[in-house]
Amino acid sequence: MKIIFFTISLLFLMISQVERTDDIYQHELNLINGEIVSLEEFKGDVLLIVNTASECGFTTQYSDLQKLHETYSDQGLKVLGFPANNFGGQEPGSDEEIAEFCEMNFGVSFPLFSRISVHGDDQHPLFETLVNMDNPDFSGEISWNFEKFLIDRNGNLLRRFKSNVSPQSDNMIQSIEQAL
């Protein structure tokens, strides 16, 4: 009996030390201003992670994302924008140009990160994690700009919204409010 208990305890210890491959907090990224940030800093917050592009038909969603940031940031929602040039070459600018565009045109004050790849062979590990998270209803490759991933306070993927879903849609607002 002691051997079985010891074996089970040892297995539990080994399993608990295995690094989760779906842990979004393991990633360090550059903010658009060059500052390095660990997503660990956002642990305990509800996250809305969005791949963005400045020359996309959905670019006006920046305004709605900013409204979410202003409305819910005090309650623990963090909108995180990740410019990407993967779809139609719609984010060709430098980090400085992207930051200026977002601030001047949409008043973006939520965190924007340095341009990364969200799709393909050079996909950033954060987005590899997101599209492969243990939630079959919301996994799979990103198909266009402005896909949105809603992450709960424990780092679990709650919902995923396609590009055509407005950040101010009833469905998204309800999902965010439930997560908060």
C-alpha atoms as a PDB file:
ATOM      1  CA  MET A   1       0.000   0.000   0.000  1.00  0.00           C
ATOM      2  CA  LYS A   2       2.854   2.388   0.842  1.00  0.00           C
ATOM      3  CA  ILE A   3       4.463   1.673  -2.522  1.00  0.00           C
ATOM      4  CA  ILE A   4       1.247   2.508  -4.371  1.00  0.00           C
ATOM      5  CA  PHE A   5       0.830   5.751  -2.403  1.00  0.00           C
ATOM      6  CA  PHE A   6       4.472   6.681  -3.027  1.00  0.00           C
ATOM      7  CA  THR A   7       4.128   5.921  -6.753  1.00  0.00           C
ATOM      8  CA  ILE A   8       0.960   7.990  -7.060  1.00  0.00           C
ATOM      9  CA  SER A   9       2.567  10.857  -5.125  1.00  0.00           C
ATOM     10  CA  LEU A  10       5.631  10.739  -7.359  1.00  0.00           C
ATOM     11  CA  LEU A  11       3.484  10.731 -10.517  1.00  0.00           C
ATOM     12  CA  PHE A  12       1.460  13.687  -9.242  1.00  0.00           C
ATOM     13  CA  LEU A  13       4.673  15.589  -8.501  1.00  0.00           C
ATOM     14  CA  MET A  14       6.044  14.830 -11.985  1.00  0.00           C
ATOM     15  CA  ILE A  15       2.811  15.862 -13.695  1.00  0.00           C
ATOM     16  CA  SER A  16       2.597  19.104 -11.715  1.00  0.00           C
ATOM     17  CA  GLN A  17       6.136  20.033 -12.805  1.00  0.00           C
ATOM     18  CA  VAL A  18       5.459  19.539 -16.521  1.00  0.00           C
ATOM     19  CA  GLU A  19       5.210  22.928 -18.229  1.00  0.00           C
ATOM     20  CA  ARG A  20       1.757  23.589 -19.610  1.00  0.00           C
ATOM     21  CA  THR A  21       1.880  24.194 -23.322  1.00  0.00           C
ATOM     22  CA  ASP A  22      -1.345  26.204 -23.183  1.00  0.00           C
ATOM     23  CA  ASP A  23      -0.144  28.653 -20.545  1.00  0.00           C
ATOM     24  CA  ILE A  24      -0.415  32.133 -22.047  1.00  0.00           C
ATOM     25  CA  TYR A  25       1.427  33.632 -19.084  1.00  0.00           C
ATOM     26  CA  GLN A  26       4.699  31.974 -20.123  1.00  0.00           C
ATOM     27  CA  HIS A  27       5.177  34.473 -22.963  1.00  0.00           C
ATOM     28  CA  GLU A  28       7.292  37.625 -22.937  1.00  0.00           C
ATOM     29  CA  LEU A  29       6.642  40.156 -25.674  1.00  0.00           C
ATOM     30  CA  ASN A  30       7.705  43.607 -26.741  1.00  0.00           C
ATOM     31  CA  LEU A  31       5.287  46.461 -26.375  1.00  0.00           C
ATOM     32  CA  ILE A  32       5.133  48.699 -29.416  1.00  0.00           C
ATOM     33  CA  ASN A  33       7.481  51.137 -27.625  1.00  0.00           C
ATOM     34  CA  GLY A  34      10.105  48.365 -27.246  1.00  0.00           C
ATOM     35  CA  GLU A  35       9.521  47.653 -23.546  1.00  0.00           C
ATOM     36  CA  ILE A  36       9.532  43.925 -22.739  1.00  0.00           C
ATOM     37  CA  VAL A  37       6.447  42.671 -20.901  1.00  0.00           C
ATOM     38  CA  SER A  38       5.671  39.256 -19.486  1.00  0.00           C
ATOM     39  CA  LEU A  39       2.045  38.240 -19.836  1.00  0.00           C
ATOM     40  CA  GLU A  40       2.464  37.050 -16.244  1.00  0.00           C
ATOM     41  CA  GLU A  41       1.819  40.722 -15.369  1.00  0.00           C
ATOM     42  CA  PHE A  42      -1.773  40.248 -16.572  1.00  0.00           C
ATOM     43  CA  LYS A  43      -2.473  37.162 -14.453  1.00  0.00           C
ATOM     44  CA  GLY A  44      -5.752  37.702 -12.625  1.00  0.00           C
ATOM     45  CA  ASP A  45      -7.140  39.987 -15.332  1.00  0.00           C
ATOM     46  CA  VAL A  46      -9.642  39.140 -18.039  1.00  0.00           C
ATOM     47  CA  LEU A  47      -7.843  39.519 -21.377  1.00  0.00           C
ATOM     48  CA  LEU A  48      -9.141  40.330 -24.812  1.00  0.00           C
ATOM     49  CA  ILE A  49      -6.299  39.495 -27.185  1.00  0.00           C
ATOM     50  CA  VAL A  50      -6.762  40.841 -30.708  1.00  0.00           C
ATOM     51  CA  ASN A  51      -4.625  40.579 -33.848  1.00  0.00           C
ATOM     52  CA  THR A  52      -4.902  43.961 -35.540  1.00  0.00           C
ATOM     53  CA  ALA A  53      -4.041  45.667 -38.829  1.00  0.00           C
ATOM     54  CA  SER A  54      -4.122  49.351 -39.797  1.00  0.00           C
ATOM     55  CA  GLU A  55      -5.249  48.945 -43.413  1.00  0.00           C
ATOM     56  CA  CYS A  56      -8.023  46.379 -42.951  1.00  0.00           C
ATOM     57  CA  GLY A  57     -11.746  46.795 -43.485  1.00  0.00           C
ATOM     58  CA  PHE A  58     -12.122  45.996 -39.770  1.00  0.00           C
ATOM     59  CA  THR A  59      -9.626  48.673 -38.648  1.00  0.00           C
ATOM     60  CA  THR A  60     -12.466  50.821 -37.312  1.00  0.00           C
ATOM     61  CA  GLN A  61     -12.827  48.177 -34.582  1.00  0.00           C
ATOM     62  CA  TYR A  62      -9.960  49.992 -32.856  1.00  0.00           C
ATOM     63  CA  SER A  63     -12.586  52.545 -31.712  1.00  0.00           C
ATOM     64  CA  ASP A  64     -14.785  49.835 -30.219  1.00  0.00           C
ATOM     65  CA  LEU A  65     -11.810  48.134 -28.574  1.00  0.00           C
ATOM     66  CA  GLN A  66     -10.857  51.473 -27.033  1.00  0.00           C
ATOM     67  CA  LYS A  67     -14.425  51.841 -25.714  1.00  0.00           C
ATOM     68  CA  LEU A  68     -14.145  48.398 -24.094  1.00  0.00           C
ATOM     69  CA  HIS A  69     -10.843  49.451 -22.542  1.00  0.00           C
ATOM     70  CA  GLU A  70     -12.343  52.664 -21.156  1.00  0.00           C
ATOM     71  CA  THR A  71     -15.513  50.978 -19.892  1.00  0.00           C
ATOM     72  CA  TYR A  72     -14.111  47.829 -18.299  1.00  0.00           C
ATOM     73  CA  SER A  73     -10.416  48.325 -17.490  1.00  0.00           C
ATOM     74  CA  ASP A  74     -11.196  49.358 -13.899  1.00  0.00           C
ATOM     75  CA  GLN A  75     -13.047  46.045 -13.479  1.00  0.00           C
ATOM     76  CA  GLY A  76     -10.066  44.028 -14.704  1.00  0.00           C
ATOM     77  CA  LEU A  77     -10.426  43.808 -18.488  1.00  0.00           C
ATOM     78  CA  LYS A  78      -7.196  44.277 -20.400  1.00  0.00           C
ATOM     79  CA  VAL A  79      -7.441  44.727 -24.158  1.00  0.00           C
ATOM     80  CA  LEU A  80      -4.161  43.688 -25.776  1.00  0.00           C
ATOM     81  CA  GLY A  81      -3.547  44.566 -29.429  1.00  0.00           C
ATOM     82  CA  PHE A  82      -1.103  42.628 -31.584  1.00  0.00           C
ATOM     83  CA  PRO A  83      -0.472  44.200 -34.996  1.00  0.00           C
ATOM     84  CA  ALA A  84       0.199  41.574 -37.660  1.00  0.00           C
ATOM     85  CA  ASN A  85       0.897  41.736 -41.380  1.00  0.00           C
ATOM     86  CA  ASN A  86      -0.244  38.194 -42.175  1.00  0.00           C
ATOM     87  CA  PHE A  87      -3.406  38.869 -44.123  1.00  0.00           C
ATOM     88  CA  GLY A  88      -3.338  40.903 -47.299  1.00  0.00           C
ATOM     89  CA  GLY A  89      -0.246  42.864 -46.208  1.00  0.00           C
ATOM     90  CA  GLN A  90      -2.573  45.143 -44.238  1.00  0.00           C
ATOM     91  CA  GLU A  91      -0.083  46.087 -41.515  1.00  0.00           C
ATOM     92  CA  PRO A  92       3.011  47.168 -43.468  1.00  0.00           C
ATOM     93  CA  GLY A  93       4.190  49.994 -41.186  1.00  0.00           C
ATOM     94  CA  SER A  94       6.890  50.134 -38.546  1.00  0.00           C
ATOM     95  CA  ASP A  95       5.995  49.945 -34.869  1.00  0.00           C
ATOM     96  CA  GLU A  96       6.336  53.719 -34.637  1.00  0.00           C
ATOM     97  CA  GLU A  97       3.993  54.254 -37.603  1.00  0.00           C
ATOM     98  CA  ILE A  98       1.456  51.789 -36.211  1.00  0.00           C
ATOM     99  CA  ALA A  99       1.478  53.430 -32.771  1.00  0.00           C
ATOM    100  CA  GLU A 100       1.058  56.898 -34.257  1.00  0.00           C
ATOM    101  CA  PHE A 101      -1.758  55.748 -36.559  1.00  0.00           C
ATOM    102  CA  CYS A 102      -3.668  54.071 -33.704  1.00  0.00           C
ATOM    103  CA  GLU A 103      -3.307  56.995 -31.334  1.00  0.00           C
ATOM    104  CA  MET A 104      -4.106  59.728 -33.858  1.00  0.00           C
ATOM    105  CA  ASN A 105      -7.032  58.004 -35.575  1.00  0.00           C
ATOM    106  CA  PHE A 106      -8.620  56.021 -32.749  1.00  0.00           C
ATOM    107  CA  GLY A 107      -7.180  57.363 -29.489  1.00  0.00           C
ATOM    108  CA  VAL A 108      -5.862  53.907 -28.614  1.00  0.00           C
ATOM    109  CA  SER A 109      -4.497  53.820 -25.077  1.00  0.00           C
ATOM    110  CA  PHE A 110      -4.706  50.077 -24.402  1.00  0.00           C
ATOM    111  CA  PRO A 111      -1.448  48.115 -24.715  1.00  0.00           C
ATOM    112  CA  LEU A 112      -0.247  47.583 -28.272  1.00  0.00           C
ATOM    113  CA  PHE A 113       2.570  45.172 -28.872  1.00  0.00           C
ATOM    114  CA  SER A 114       5.300  45.113 -31.459  1.00  0.00           C
ATOM    115  CA  ARG A 115       4.189  43.711 -34.804  1.00  0.00           C
ATOM    116  CA  ILE A 116       4.319  39.908 -34.841  1.00  0.00           C
ATOM    117  CA  SER A 117       3.180  37.022 -36.995  1.00  0.00           C
ATOM    118  CA  VAL A 118      -0.073  35.353 -35.921  1.00  0.00           C
ATOM    119  CA  HIS A 119      -0.266  32.781 -38.709  1.00  0.00           C
ATOM    120  CA  GLY A 120       2.023  30.578 -40.766  1.00  0.00           C
ATOM    121  CA  ASP A 121       5.520  29.185 -40.343  1.00  0.00           C
ATOM    122  CA  ASP A 122       6.744  32.206 -38.371  1.00  0.00           C
ATOM    123  CA  GLN A 123       3.706  32.329 -36.051  1.00  0.00           C
ATOM    124  CA  HIS A 124       4.578  33.848 -32.679  1.00  0.00           C
ATOM    125  CA  PRO A 125       4.457  31.278 -29.837  1.00  0.00           C
ATOM    126  CA  LEU A 126       1.675  33.239 -28.066  1.00  0.00           C
ATOM    127  CA  PHE A 127      -0.641  32.804 -31.028  1.00  0.00           C
ATOM    128  CA  GLU A 128       0.453  29.208 -31.449  1.00  0.00           C
ATOM    129  CA  THR A 129      -0.679  28.751 -27.853  1.00  0.00           C
ATOM    130  CA  LEU A 130      -3.978  30.559 -28.447  1.00  0.00           C
ATOM    131  CA  VAL A 131      -5.001  28.610 -31.548  1.00  0.00           C
ATOM    132  CA  ASN A 132      -4.136  25.312 -29.862  1.00  0.00           C
ATOM    133  CA  MET A 133      -5.645  25.915 -26.413  1.00  0.00           C
ATOM    134  CA  ASP A 134      -7.581  23.098 -24.849  1.00  0.00           C
ATOM    135  CA  ASN A 135     -10.985  24.276 -26.014  1.00  0.00           C
ATOM    136  CA  PRO A 136     -12.121  22.534 -29.212  1.00  0.00           C
ATOM    137  CA  ASP A 137     -14.959  25.026 -29.712  1.00  0.00           C
ATOM    138  CA  PHE A 138     -12.498  27.883 -30.195  1.00  0.00           C
ATOM    139  CA  SER A 139      -9.268  26.348 -31.483  1.00  0.00           C
ATOM    140  CA  GLY A 140      -7.935  26.465 -35.024  1.00  0.00           C
ATOM    141  CA  GLU A 141      -5.931  28.803 -37.182  1.00  0.00           C
ATOM    142  CA  ILE A 142      -6.636  32.513 -37.366  1.00  0.00           C
ATOM    143  CA  SER A 143      -8.304  33.347 -40.659  1.00  0.00           C
ATOM    144  CA  TRP A 144      -8.090  37.166 -40.773  1.00  0.00           C
ATOM    145  CA  ASN A 145      -7.296  40.379 -38.916  1.00  0.00           C
ATOM    146  CA  PHE A 146      -9.190  41.354 -35.771  1.00  0.00           C
ATOM    147  CA  GLU A 147      -9.920  37.900 -34.400  1.00  0.00           C
ATOM    148  CA  LYS A 148     -10.506  38.225 -30.691  1.00  0.00           C
ATOM    149  CA  PHE A 149      -9.640  35.778 -27.892  1.00  0.00           C
ATOM    150  CA  LEU A 150     -11.366  36.228 -24.518  1.00  0.00           C
ATOM    151  CA  ILE A 151      -9.258  34.788 -21.702  1.00  0.00           C
ATOM    152  CA  ASP A 152     -10.526  34.405 -18.130  1.00  0.00           C
ATOM    153  CA  ARG A 153      -8.651  35.448 -14.985  1.00  0.00           C
ATOM    154  CA  ASN A 154      -6.997  32.003 -14.802  1.00  0.00           C
ATOM    155  CA  GLY A 155      -5.660  32.003 -18.370  1.00  0.00           C
ATOM    156  CA  ASN A 156      -8.381  29.812 -19.883  1.00  0.00           C
ATOM    157  CA  LEU A 157      -9.839  30.525 -23.305  1.00  0.00           C
ATOM    158  CA  LEU A 158     -13.512  31.397 -22.784  1.00  0.00           C
ATOM    159  CA  ARG A 159     -14.561  32.572 -26.216  1.00  0.00           C
ATOM    160  CA  ARG A 160     -13.190  33.388 -29.597  1.00  0.00           C
ATOM    161  CA  PHE A 161     -14.785  35.954 -31.852  1.00  0.00           C
ATOM    162  CA  LYS A 162     -14.200  36.157 -35.590  1.00  0.00           C
ATOM    163  CA  SER A 163     -13.204  39.337 -37.359  1.00  0.00           C
ATOM    164  CA  ASN A 164     -16.739  40.327 -38.297  1.00  0.00           C
ATOM    165  CA  VAL A 165     -17.934  40.343 -34.679  1.00  0.00           C
ATOM    166  CA  SER A 166     -17.935  43.900 -33.399  1.00  0.00           C
ATOM    167  CA  PRO A 167     -16.274  44.442 -30.020  1.00  0.00           C
ATOM    168  CA  GLN A 168     -19.470  46.300 -29.047  1.00  0.00           C
ATOM    169  CA  SER A 169     -21.806  43.457 -30.054  1.00  0.00           C
ATOM    170  CA  ASP A 170     -24.245  42.203 -27.431  1.00  0.00           C
ATOM    171  CA  ASN A 171     -22.626  38.770 -27.545  1.00  0.00           C
ATOM    172  CA  MET A 172     -19.148  40.115 -26.835  1.00  0.00           C
ATOM    173  CA  ILE A 173     -20.294  42.559 -24.138  1.00  0.00           C
ATOM    174  CA  GLN A 174     -22.237  39.792 -22.356  1.00  0.00           C
ATOM    175  CA  SER A 175     -19.244  37.437 -22.527  1.00  0.00           C
ATOM    176  CA  ILE A 176     -16.908  40.089 -21.125  1.00  0.00           C
ATOM    177  CA  GLU A 177     -19.307  41.053 -18.338  1.00  0.00           C
ATOM    178  CA  GLN A 178     -19.746  37.389 -17.349  1.00  0.00           C
ATOM    179  CA  ALA A 179     -15.976  36.929 -17.225  1.00  0.00           C
ATOM    180  CA  LEU A 180     -15.531  40.005 -15.036  1.00  0.00           C
END
